[in-house]
Amino acid sequence: MTANAANAANTANTVNAANTANTVNAANAANTANAANAANTVNAVLRPHAEEQFGEELVLLAKTDDRPRPPGWRLSPWAVTTYLLGDGDRITPKYIGARRIVEVAVATLATDRALLLLGVPGTAKTWLSEHLAAAISGDSTLLVQGTAGTAEEAIRYGWNYARLLAEGPSRAALTPSPVMRAMEEGRLARVEELTRMPSDIQDALITVLSEKTLPIPELNEEVQATKGFNVIATANDRDRGVNELSSALRRRFNTVVLPVPASPEEEVDIVARRVEQLGRALELPSTVTALDEIRRVVTVFRELRSGVTADGRTKVKSPSGTLSTAEAISVVTSGIALAAHFGDGVLRPGDVAAGILGAVVQDPVSDRVVWQEYLETVVRERGEWRDFYRACRDAL
């Protein structure tokens, strides 16, 4: 009986071990499948969030980051700056510009001051905001989009009216805003185009930024911000429909002005990098992207923006549009699509001419005159730009 019992016990142990191994194998297979599904999901998304698209870089930095981290931060300020500017090796640059600008922005978020990124359209305010949130909080999705129709609920909270009517006011019936969620979770909230919001909606942020609390008078409660919470807002004062910030709200922000790219080479580099990234994301057919065409688009935009040619000899009129770097990226990307699908796969002047016309001529009357004058007085006189001149004339 003793031998039988021992045999039975051994058999049971063997079965349990096999079951355990099967369970572990099943769990590993499930994890592998989940990872593969997650990767496939990211690949299928038209524009993955920054923390998904550059997740490997964030993990790599986190593993090697031994510097002090502010409470609630996933990376140290030094590592966040490296993530944004690149390290020349495995970390790609996300923002091309003065290092000091990035350092001031990151240092601001390490204090109790909110950050306001200010600049003309196309200076990468939203891009920088998203990557700051991804690196610091690991989540760039707590976003409020400012428009003329943005309601106060987008800043504070709303209600699930079905539950409100059925149960009365309660936390279960409350719908938190992205700002409220960021306060509770100790993350960064992003407010895009702050100056597009009506002034009274903007001022809903004052108590949040100064007291770090969000009162809920209907419940006689409040939400207190946990460590790691802060706000990044973006704004510009160039476009129409802009509402000035009140002095009370502006005092609660540290403002960092993002300039247009300082040099043509810097702007060409930005355009080339973003066009390459967009081409991969959109799975455009491979084309020969002529750097000369990118440089030409950037030159045209910079000359029309500044009102003078690159050599400083000829003054030109500026159109009503902003002609930002973001618009240059759009023009080149559209040109690549034309070259890939309707051309010979090489980016040529005819592929970018129509895009430039659309970017420059925002006002069909005054801007068309500006563009025609620029073509005749500047472009036509440049011998190496003959093909570009003919393509632009044909596009008119």
Protein backbone atom coordinates (compact mmCIF):
# COMPACT_ATOMS: atom_id res chain seq x y z
CA MET A 1 0.00 0.00 0.00
CA THR A 2 2.84 2.33 0.82
CA ALA A 3 4.46 1.71 -2.55
CA ASN A 4 1.15 2.24 -4.31
CA ALA A 5 0.60 5.47 -2.44
CA ALA A 6 4.06 6.65 -3.39
CA ASN A 7 3.46 5.77 -7.01
CA ALA A 8 0.16 7.59 -6.93
CA ALA A 9 1.80 10.62 -5.39
CA ASN A 10 4.53 10.60 -8.04
CA THR A 11 1.94 10.29 -10.76
CA ALA A 12 -0.01 13.20 -9.29
CA ASN A 13 3.14 15.32 -9.04
CA THR A 14 4.01 14.52 -12.63
CA VAL A 15 0.53 15.49 -13.76
CA ASN A 16 0.64 18.70 -11.70
CA ALA A 17 4.07 19.55 -13.10
CA ALA A 18 2.81 18.96 -16.61
CA ASN A 19 -0.25 21.08 -15.94
CA THR A 20 1.92 23.81 -14.49
CA ALA A 21 4.23 23.70 -17.48
CA ASN A 22 1.26 23.81 -19.80
CA THR A 23 -0.14 26.75 -17.89
CA VAL A 24 3.18 28.60 -18.08
CA ASN A 25 3.51 27.80 -21.76
CA ALA A 26 -0.03 28.96 -22.37
CA ALA A 27 0.67 32.17 -20.45
CA ASN A 28 3.86 32.77 -22.43
CA ALA A 29 2.05 32.10 -25.66
CA ALA A 30 -0.71 34.46 -24.62
CA ASN A 31 1.81 37.18 -23.72
CA THR A 32 3.59 36.68 -27.04
CA ALA A 33 0.28 36.86 -28.87
CA ASN A 34 -0.73 39.97 -26.93
CA ALA A 35 2.59 41.64 -27.74
CA ALA A 36 2.20 40.72 -31.39
CA ASN A 37 -1.38 41.99 -31.41
CA ALA A 38 -0.28 45.23 -29.75
CA ALA A 39 2.47 45.68 -32.35
CA ASN A 40 0.03 44.94 -35.15
CA THR A 41 -2.44 47.43 -33.69
CA VAL A 42 0.21 50.15 -33.56
CA ASN A 43 1.27 49.35 -37.12
CA ALA A 44 -2.35 49.52 -38.30
CA VAL A 45 -3.00 52.91 -36.70
CA LEU A 46 -2.58 55.85 -39.06
CA ARG A 47 -0.86 58.00 -36.44
CA PRO A 48 0.24 56.16 -33.27
CA HIS A 49 0.63 58.16 -30.09
CA ALA A 50 4.20 59.19 -29.31
CA GLU A 51 4.52 56.72 -26.43
CA GLU A 52 3.56 53.91 -28.81
CA GLN A 53 5.56 54.97 -31.85
CA PHE A 54 8.73 55.59 -29.83
CA GLY A 55 8.07 53.10 -27.02
CA GLU A 56 11.35 51.24 -27.54
CA GLU A 57 13.35 54.44 -27.13
CA LEU A 58 11.48 55.32 -23.93
CA VAL A 59 12.14 51.84 -22.50
CA LEU A 60 15.82 52.07 -23.44
CA LEU A 61 16.17 55.45 -21.73
CA ALA A 62 14.34 54.24 -18.62
CA LYS A 63 16.74 51.30 -18.27
CA THR A 64 19.86 53.45 -18.42
CA ASP A 65 18.50 56.51 -16.61
CA ASP A 66 20.08 56.72 -13.15
CA ARG A 67 19.53 60.44 -12.55
CA PRO A 68 17.04 61.89 -10.05
CA ARG A 69 13.43 61.87 -11.22
CA PRO A 70 10.79 64.30 -9.99
CA PRO A 71 7.83 62.60 -8.24
CA GLY A 72 5.55 60.89 -10.73
CA TRP A 73 8.00 61.16 -13.65
CA ARG A 74 8.99 58.10 -15.67
CA LEU A 75 12.29 59.65 -16.74
CA SER A 76 14.66 62.22 -15.30
CA PRO A 77 14.68 65.72 -16.81
CA TRP A 78 18.01 64.87 -18.44
CA ALA A 79 16.57 61.73 -20.07
CA VAL A 80 13.46 63.60 -21.23
CA THR A 81 15.68 66.16 -22.93
CA THR A 82 17.73 63.38 -24.53
CA TYR A 83 14.52 61.76 -25.80
CA LEU A 84 13.45 65.03 -27.41
CA LEU A 85 16.79 66.06 -28.92
CA GLY A 86 18.28 62.62 -29.61
CA ASP A 87 21.68 61.22 -28.69
CA GLY A 88 23.17 60.72 -32.16
CA ASP A 89 22.77 56.96 -31.84
CA ARG A 90 19.64 55.00 -30.87
CA ILE A 91 17.52 57.93 -29.72
CA THR A 92 16.19 59.89 -32.68
CA PRO A 93 15.61 63.66 -32.42
CA LYS A 94 11.94 64.64 -32.08
CA TYR A 95 12.52 68.41 -31.92
CA ILE A 96 15.20 70.26 -33.87
CA GLY A 97 16.03 73.57 -32.27
CA ALA A 98 17.90 75.25 -29.46
CA ARG A 99 18.68 72.88 -26.59
CA ARG A 100 18.07 75.63 -24.05
CA ILE A 101 14.44 75.97 -25.14
CA VAL A 102 13.84 72.30 -24.40
CA GLU A 103 15.71 72.45 -21.10
CA VAL A 104 13.65 75.41 -19.91
CA ALA A 105 10.41 73.65 -20.90
CA VAL A 106 11.38 70.45 -19.09
CA ALA A 107 12.61 72.30 -16.00
CA THR A 108 9.34 74.24 -15.84
CA LEU A 109 7.32 71.03 -15.70
CA ALA A 110 9.51 69.82 -12.81
CA THR A 111 8.20 72.75 -10.74
CA ASP A 112 4.66 73.73 -9.79
CA ARG A 113 4.42 76.10 -12.77
CA ALA A 114 2.42 75.15 -15.84
CA LEU A 115 4.05 75.43 -19.26
CA LEU A 116 2.75 77.57 -22.13
CA LEU A 117 4.31 76.89 -25.54
CA LEU A 118 3.78 80.02 -27.60
CA GLY A 119 4.59 80.55 -31.25
CA VAL A 120 3.27 81.14 -34.72
CA PRO A 121 1.52 78.21 -36.43
CA GLY A 122 3.82 75.45 -37.57
CA THR A 123 6.55 75.85 -34.93
CA ALA A 124 5.98 72.32 -33.52
CA LYS A 125 4.08 73.38 -30.40
CA THR A 126 1.70 70.43 -30.49
CA TRP A 127 4.48 68.04 -31.50
CA LEU A 128 6.66 69.12 -28.57
CA SER A 129 3.70 69.03 -26.17
CA GLU A 130 2.86 65.44 -27.14
CA HIS A 131 6.42 64.19 -26.77
CA LEU A 132 6.90 65.94 -23.43
CA ALA A 133 3.79 64.20 -22.08
CA ALA A 134 4.86 60.84 -23.53
CA ALA A 135 8.33 61.01 -21.97
CA ILE A 136 7.27 62.35 -18.57
CA SER A 137 3.95 60.57 -17.99
CA GLY A 138 3.98 57.78 -20.54
CA ASP A 139 0.59 59.05 -21.72
CA SER A 140 -0.01 61.87 -24.19
CA THR A 141 -3.75 61.27 -24.57
CA LEU A 142 -5.07 63.46 -21.72
CA LEU A 143 -5.89 66.20 -24.19
CA VAL A 144 -8.28 69.15 -24.33
CA GLN A 145 -8.65 70.65 -27.80
CA GLY A 146 -9.39 74.34 -27.61
CA THR A 147 -12.00 75.77 -29.98
CA ALA A 148 -14.56 78.54 -29.89
CA GLY A 149 -17.08 75.89 -28.83
CA THR A 150 -15.06 74.28 -26.03
CA ALA A 151 -17.25 74.05 -22.92
CA GLU A 152 -16.17 74.35 -19.29
CA GLU A 153 -16.85 70.63 -18.83
CA ALA A 154 -13.77 69.93 -20.98
CA ILE A 155 -11.63 71.58 -18.29
CA ARG A 156 -13.53 70.57 -15.14
CA TYR A 157 -16.02 67.69 -15.40
CA GLY A 158 -19.36 66.73 -16.86
CA TRP A 159 -22.20 64.39 -15.94
CA ASN A 160 -23.62 61.12 -17.14
CA TYR A 161 -27.16 62.44 -17.29
CA ALA A 162 -28.80 59.02 -17.35
CA ARG A 163 -27.17 58.12 -14.02
CA LEU A 164 -27.63 61.63 -12.70
CA LEU A 165 -31.40 61.44 -13.24
CA ALA A 166 -31.64 57.89 -11.93
CA GLU A 167 -29.34 58.16 -8.91
CA GLY A 168 -28.79 61.84 -8.25
CA PRO A 169 -25.39 63.56 -7.99
CA SER A 170 -22.60 61.10 -7.18
CA ARG A 171 -19.03 60.35 -8.17
CA ALA A 172 -20.33 57.46 -10.27
CA ALA A 173 -22.46 59.89 -12.28
CA LEU A 174 -19.59 62.31 -12.77
CA THR A 175 -17.63 62.30 -16.05
CA PRO A 176 -14.06 63.45 -15.43
CA SER A 177 -12.31 65.75 -17.89
CA PRO A 178 -8.78 64.99 -19.10
CA VAL A 179 -7.53 67.63 -16.67
CA MET A 180 -9.35 66.00 -13.75
CA ARG A 181 -7.99 62.58 -14.71
CA ALA A 182 -4.46 63.98 -14.90
CA MET A 183 -4.87 65.44 -11.40
CA GLU A 184 -6.06 62.13 -9.98
CA GLU A 185 -3.42 60.02 -11.77
CA GLY A 186 -0.45 62.38 -11.38
CA ARG A 187 0.06 62.89 -15.11
CA LEU A 188 0.42 65.75 -17.58
CA ALA A 189 -2.69 67.28 -19.14
CA ARG A 190 -2.39 68.92 -22.54
CA VAL A 191 -4.49 71.92 -23.57
CA GLU A 192 -4.15 72.64 -27.27
CA GLU A 193 -4.87 76.09 -28.74
CA LEU A 194 -5.67 77.65 -25.39
CA THR A 195 -6.31 81.06 -26.95
CA ARG A 196 -9.03 79.59 -29.18
CA MET A 197 -11.22 79.07 -26.11
CA PRO A 198 -13.51 81.83 -24.84
CA SER A 199 -11.93 83.79 -22.01
CA ASP A 200 -14.34 82.51 -19.34
CA ILE A 201 -13.50 78.92 -20.26
CA GLN A 202 -9.77 79.66 -20.12
CA ASP A 203 -10.16 81.00 -16.60
CA ALA A 204 -11.57 77.66 -15.41
CA LEU A 205 -7.89 76.66 -15.24
CA ILE A 206 -6.94 79.31 -12.68
CA THR A 207 -7.94 77.37 -9.56
CA VAL A 208 -6.46 74.16 -10.95
CA LEU A 209 -3.10 75.81 -11.63
CA SER A 210 -2.86 77.95 -8.50
CA GLU A 211 -4.46 75.76 -5.82
CA LYS A 212 -3.89 72.37 -7.49
CA THR A 213 -7.47 71.47 -6.61
CA LEU A 214 -10.68 71.08 -8.57
CA PRO A 215 -13.81 71.82 -6.49
CA ILE A 216 -16.95 69.73 -7.06
CA PRO A 217 -19.58 71.87 -5.30
CA GLU A 218 -22.46 69.55 -6.29
CA LEU A 219 -20.92 66.85 -4.08
CA ASN A 220 -19.28 69.14 -1.54
CA GLU A 221 -15.96 67.57 -2.52
CA GLU A 222 -12.77 68.44 -4.30
CA VAL A 223 -10.11 66.65 -6.30
CA GLN A 224 -6.56 67.35 -5.18
CA ALA A 225 -3.75 66.93 -7.65
CA THR A 226 -1.29 64.15 -6.95
CA LYS A 227 2.45 64.48 -7.51
CA GLY A 228 3.39 64.38 -11.16
CA PHE A 229 0.45 66.50 -12.30
CA ASN A 230 1.00 69.56 -14.45
CA VAL A 231 -0.41 71.25 -17.54
CA ILE A 232 1.15 71.94 -20.94
CA ALA A 233 -0.78 74.47 -23.04
CA THR A 234 -0.11 75.70 -26.56
CA ALA A 235 -1.19 78.99 -28.08
CA ASN A 236 -0.53 81.37 -30.93
CA ASP A 237 -1.49 84.99 -31.50
CA ARG A 238 -1.17 84.99 -35.27
CA ASP A 239 -4.37 83.41 -36.56
CA ARG A 240 -7.86 84.85 -36.45
CA GLY A 241 -10.26 83.88 -33.69
CA VAL A 242 -7.70 84.29 -30.92
CA ASN A 243 -8.77 85.28 -27.39
CA GLU A 244 -6.12 86.93 -25.26
CA LEU A 245 -5.24 85.26 -21.98
CA SER A 246 -6.24 87.11 -18.84
CA SER A 247 -3.34 88.44 -16.78
CA ALA A 248 -4.40 86.17 -13.90
CA LEU A 249 -4.13 83.07 -16.07
CA ARG A 250 -0.94 84.13 -17.85
CA ARG A 251 0.80 84.59 -14.48
CA ARG A 252 0.25 80.91 -13.75
CA PHE A 253 2.19 79.81 -16.79
CA ASN A 254 5.86 79.93 -17.59
CA THR A 255 5.88 80.91 -21.27
CA VAL A 256 8.38 79.41 -23.70
CA VAL A 257 8.36 80.95 -27.18
CA LEU A 258 9.10 78.49 -29.99
CA PRO A 259 10.77 80.30 -32.89
CA VAL A 260 10.67 79.41 -36.55
CA PRO A 261 13.77 77.43 -37.60
CA ALA A 262 16.80 79.69 -37.35
CA SER A 263 18.51 78.67 -40.58
CA PRO A 264 17.54 77.19 -43.94
CA GLU A 265 19.64 74.10 -43.20
CA GLU A 266 17.78 73.51 -39.94
CA GLU A 267 14.40 73.84 -41.64
CA VAL A 268 15.44 71.54 -44.49
CA ASP A 269 16.53 68.97 -41.91
CA ILE A 270 13.17 69.19 -40.12
CA VAL A 271 11.19 68.84 -43.34
CA ALA A 272 13.29 65.92 -44.59
CA ARG A 273 12.96 64.00 -41.31
CA ARG A 274 9.22 64.49 -40.98
CA VAL A 275 8.58 63.65 -44.63
CA GLU A 276 10.48 60.39 -44.18
CA GLN A 277 8.48 59.53 -41.03
CA LEU A 278 5.17 60.36 -42.72
CA GLY A 279 6.10 58.35 -45.78
CA ARG A 280 6.68 55.27 -43.62
CA ALA A 281 3.51 55.80 -41.60
CA LEU A 282 1.38 56.28 -44.72
CA GLU A 283 3.17 53.40 -46.50
CA LEU A 284 3.75 55.52 -49.57
CA PRO A 285 5.55 53.73 -52.41
CA SER A 286 9.29 54.30 -52.32
CA THR A 287 10.40 57.37 -54.22
CA VAL A 288 13.63 59.20 -54.84
CA THR A 289 13.18 62.24 -52.59
CA ALA A 290 15.34 64.93 -54.13
CA LEU A 291 16.82 67.01 -51.33
CA ASP A 292 17.14 69.82 -53.85
CA GLU A 293 13.35 70.01 -54.15
CA ILE A 294 12.93 70.12 -50.38
CA ARG A 295 15.53 72.87 -50.19
CA ARG A 296 13.71 74.79 -52.94
CA VAL A 297 10.35 74.58 -51.16
CA VAL A 298 11.95 75.74 -47.91
CA THR A 299 13.70 78.62 -49.70
CA VAL A 300 10.45 79.82 -51.29
CA PHE A 301 8.61 79.69 -47.95
CA ARG A 302 11.38 81.47 -46.04
CA GLU A 303 11.72 84.25 -48.64
CA LEU A 304 7.98 84.89 -48.76
CA ARG A 305 7.76 84.80 -44.96
CA SER A 306 10.60 87.25 -44.43
CA GLY A 307 9.78 89.54 -47.36
CA VAL A 308 13.29 89.42 -48.81
CA THR A 309 15.30 86.97 -50.90
CA ALA A 310 17.97 84.80 -49.31
CA ASP A 311 20.78 86.99 -50.63
CA GLY A 312 19.10 90.09 -49.20
CA ARG A 313 19.07 91.90 -52.55
CA THR A 314 15.40 91.80 -53.50
CA LYS A 315 12.41 92.67 -51.40
CA VAL A 316 9.26 90.66 -52.01
CA LYS A 317 5.69 90.92 -50.78
CA SER A 318 4.47 88.45 -48.18
CA PRO A 319 1.18 86.57 -48.65
CA SER A 320 -1.55 86.38 -46.02
CA GLY A 321 -0.76 82.77 -45.03
CA THR A 322 1.83 81.71 -42.45
CA LEU A 323 3.88 79.44 -44.77
CA SER A 324 5.06 77.43 -41.78
CA THR A 325 7.41 74.48 -41.65
CA ALA A 326 4.39 72.23 -41.17
CA GLU A 327 2.98 73.47 -44.48
CA ALA A 328 6.30 72.81 -46.21
CA ILE A 329 6.17 69.24 -44.88
CA SER A 330 2.64 68.88 -46.28
CA VAL A 331 3.67 70.22 -49.69
CA VAL A 332 6.60 67.82 -50.00
CA THR A 333 4.59 64.83 -48.75
CA SER A 334 1.86 65.55 -51.30
CA GLY A 335 4.52 65.87 -53.97
CA ILE A 336 5.95 62.48 -53.06
CA ALA A 337 2.48 60.92 -53.35
CA LEU A 338 2.10 62.46 -56.82
CA ALA A 339 5.53 61.24 -57.89
CA ALA A 340 4.90 57.75 -56.57
CA HIS A 341 1.41 57.21 -57.97
CA PHE A 342 1.35 59.36 -61.11
CA GLY A 343 5.00 59.95 -61.98
CA ASP A 344 8.23 58.06 -62.36
CA GLY A 345 8.96 57.84 -58.64
CA VAL A 346 11.29 60.83 -58.58
CA LEU A 347 10.22 64.04 -56.85
CA ARG A 348 10.29 66.80 -59.45
CA PRO A 349 9.27 70.50 -59.61
CA GLY A 350 5.91 69.64 -61.17
CA ASP A 351 5.06 67.46 -58.15
CA VAL A 352 5.44 70.30 -55.64
CA ALA A 353 4.22 73.25 -57.75
CA ALA A 354 0.51 72.72 -57.13
CA GLY A 355 1.09 72.23 -53.39
CA ILE A 356 3.07 75.46 -53.15
CA LEU A 357 0.35 77.32 -55.01
CA GLY A 358 -2.26 76.05 -52.57
CA ALA A 359 -0.13 77.01 -49.56
CA VAL A 360 0.74 80.49 -50.82
CA VAL A 361 -2.56 81.58 -52.38
CA GLN A 362 -4.94 81.66 -49.44
CA ASP A 363 -6.63 84.85 -50.64
CA PRO A 364 -7.47 84.27 -54.33
CA VAL A 365 -7.04 87.94 -55.19
CA SER A 366 -4.19 89.50 -53.22
CA ASP A 367 -2.12 86.35 -52.70
CA ARG A 368 -2.26 85.40 -56.37
CA VAL A 369 -0.75 88.79 -57.24
CA VAL A 370 1.99 88.26 -54.65
CA TRP A 371 2.79 84.81 -56.03
CA GLN A 372 2.87 85.93 -59.66
CA GLU A 373 5.14 88.82 -58.80
CA TYR A 374 7.49 86.53 -56.90
CA LEU A 375 7.62 84.11 -59.82
CA GLU A 376 8.47 86.83 -62.33
CA THR A 377 10.93 88.86 -60.26
CA VAL A 378 12.72 86.09 -58.32
CA VAL A 379 12.12 82.58 -59.63
CA ARG A 380 12.39 83.45 -63.30
CA GLU A 381 15.78 85.08 -62.78
CA ARG A 382 17.31 81.94 -61.27
CA GLY A 383 18.71 79.90 -64.12
CA GLU A 384 18.81 76.66 -62.17
CA TRP A 385 15.11 77.06 -61.33
CA ARG A 386 13.80 77.06 -64.93
CA ASP A 387 11.92 73.75 -64.57
CA PHE A 388 10.41 74.97 -61.31
CA TYR A 389 9.34 78.27 -62.89
CA ARG A 390 7.60 76.51 -65.79
CA ALA A 391 5.85 74.07 -63.44
CA CYS A 392 4.59 76.91 -61.23
CA ARG A 393 3.37 78.90 -64.25
CA ASP A 394 1.51 75.84 -65.53
CA ALA A 395 -0.12 75.34 -62.12
CA LEU A 396 -1.57 78.88 -62.06
